[in-house]
Protein backbone atom coordinates (compact mmCIF):
# COMPACT_ATOMS: atom_id res chain seq x y z
CA MET A 1 0.00 0.00 0.00
CA VAL A 2 1.47 3.32 -1.10
CA LEU A 3 0.87 6.34 1.07
CA CYS A 4 -0.44 9.13 -1.13
CA LEU A 5 -0.08 12.43 0.67
CA PRO A 6 -2.23 15.45 -0.06
CA HIS A 7 -0.71 18.19 -2.17
CA PRO A 8 0.77 20.53 0.54
CA LEU A 9 2.15 17.69 2.63
CA ARG A 10 4.00 16.27 -0.34
CA TYR A 11 5.96 19.53 -0.66
CA THR A 12 6.54 19.65 3.08
CA ARG A 13 8.15 16.21 3.01
CA LYS A 14 10.28 17.20 0.02
CA ALA A 15 11.39 20.42 1.71
CA PHE A 16 12.25 18.55 4.91
CA ARG A 17 14.39 16.05 3.02
CA SER A 18 16.18 18.85 1.19
CA PHE A 19 16.77 20.69 4.46
CA SER A 20 18.06 17.53 6.15
CA ARG A 21 20.59 16.92 3.40
CA LYS A 22 21.85 20.50 3.46
CA TYR A 23 22.02 20.50 7.26
CA ALA A 24 24.08 17.30 7.25
CA LEU A 25 26.40 18.78 4.62
CA PHE A 26 27.04 22.00 6.53
CA ARG A 27 27.53 20.24 9.87
CA SER A 28 30.50 18.35 8.51
CA PRO A 29 34.00 19.34 9.73
CA SER A 30 35.16 20.29 6.24
CA SER A 31 32.48 22.98 5.89
CA SER A 32 33.33 24.31 9.35
CA TYR A 33 36.95 24.55 8.30
CA LEU A 34 36.02 26.43 5.14
CA ALA A 35 33.90 28.89 7.12
CA SER A 36 36.73 29.55 9.56
CA THR A 37 39.18 30.40 6.77
CA VAL A 38 37.18 33.41 5.58
CA PRO A 39 39.15 36.60 6.42
CA ASN A 40 37.69 39.07 8.91
CA SER A 41 37.65 41.85 6.32
CA VAL A 42 35.43 39.75 4.06
CA LEU A 43 33.08 38.96 6.95
CA GLY A 44 32.95 42.66 7.84
CA GLY A 45 32.09 43.61 4.27
CA VAL A 46 29.40 40.95 4.03
CA THR A 47 27.93 42.05 7.37
CA THR A 48 27.90 45.70 6.29
CA PHE A 49 26.21 44.77 3.03
CA LEU A 50 23.67 42.64 4.90
CA PHE A 51 22.67 45.44 7.26
CA ALA A 52 22.59 47.98 4.42
CA SER A 53 20.24 45.66 2.54
CA VAL A 54 17.98 45.44 5.59
CA VAL A 55 17.91 49.25 5.87
CA VAL A 56 17.07 49.63 2.18
CA SER A 57 14.28 47.06 2.48
CA GLY A 58 12.91 48.86 5.54
CA LEU A 59 12.98 52.21 3.76
CA ARG A 60 11.15 50.68 0.81
CA VAL A 61 8.45 49.34 3.11
CA LEU A 62 8.17 52.71 4.86
CA SER A 63 7.81 54.49 1.52
CA PHE A 64 4.53 52.68 0.82
CA VAL A 65 2.89 53.55 4.14
CA GLN A 66 0.13 56.16 4.16
CA TYR A 67 1.24 58.19 7.18
CA THR A 68 -1.14 59.82 9.59
CA ARG A 69 0.02 62.59 11.89
CA ARG A 70 0.30 60.07 14.75
CA ASP A 71 2.44 57.69 12.64
CA ARG A 72 4.83 60.50 11.69
CA PHE A 73 5.20 61.49 15.35
CA ILE A 74 5.95 57.92 16.44
CA LEU A 75 8.50 57.45 13.64
CA ALA A 76 10.18 60.78 14.44
CA ALA A 77 10.39 59.90 18.15
CA ALA A 78 11.89 56.47 17.42
CA LEU A 79 14.42 57.86 14.96
CA SER A 80 15.40 60.69 17.32
CA PHE A 81 16.25 58.20 20.07
CA GLY A 82 18.19 55.98 17.68
CA ILE A 83 20.13 58.74 15.94
CA GLY A 84 20.60 60.65 19.20
CA ASP A 85 22.23 57.61 20.77
CA LEU A 86 24.55 57.27 17.79
CA LEU A 87 25.61 60.93 17.90
CA VAL A 88 25.88 61.27 21.69
CA PRO A 89 26.53 57.81 23.17
CA ASN A 90 26.18 58.90 26.83
CA ILE A 91 22.86 60.70 26.36
CA PHE A 92 20.80 58.14 28.28
CA ILE A 93 22.95 58.32 31.43
CA TYR A 94 21.18 61.57 32.39
CA LEU A 95 17.70 60.54 31.21
CA PHE A 96 15.97 60.42 34.63
CA ASP A 97 18.32 62.65 36.66
CA GLY A 98 15.67 65.30 37.37
CA VAL A 99 13.00 62.78 38.30
CA ARG A 100 12.64 62.01 42.00
CA SER A 101 9.91 59.59 42.90
CA PRO A 102 8.47 59.02 46.39
CA SER A 103 8.11 55.35 45.50
CA ASN A 104 11.26 53.25 45.83
CA SER A 105 10.02 50.75 43.26
CA LEU A 106 9.44 53.47 40.66
CA GLN A 107 12.87 54.96 41.37
CA GLY A 108 14.35 51.47 40.93
CA LEU A 109 12.55 51.13 37.60
CA PHE A 110 14.02 54.45 36.42
CA GLU A 111 17.51 53.40 37.50
CA SER A 112 17.24 50.02 35.79
CA ILE A 113 16.08 51.67 32.54
CA THR A 114 19.05 54.06 32.76
CA ILE A 115 21.47 51.18 33.31
CA VAL A 116 20.09 49.17 30.40
CA LEU A 117 20.14 52.13 28.01
CA SER A 118 23.60 53.33 29.02
CA THR A 119 25.34 49.92 28.94
CA PRO A 120 27.42 49.63 25.76
CA CYS A 121 27.02 46.57 23.57
CA GLU A 122 30.24 44.64 23.15
């Protein structure tokens, strides 16, 4: 008796087999060795190109959006925090300096937000 799968499941099985073969190929020691011989400058260039491609794709998606006034405000606020952090890296250290809360838990929340935002990524 031959098992005849419905149309979508047939492609799922085929895709799984293809994935399994490729996974087994790339888990071999020879492919790991080849990946480790790529120079750092090449990896840096590929990474830069990758992130530039993501930015271009994001800008293309944003160009098709019909913006309302609220959407423009939200986008401007998000971009100002992102670009502001790039231009002045220590800007978030002083974010809640003028805020004094009578609640210890709220003050702890403000301090934890400041620590998370001011910690550099390494």
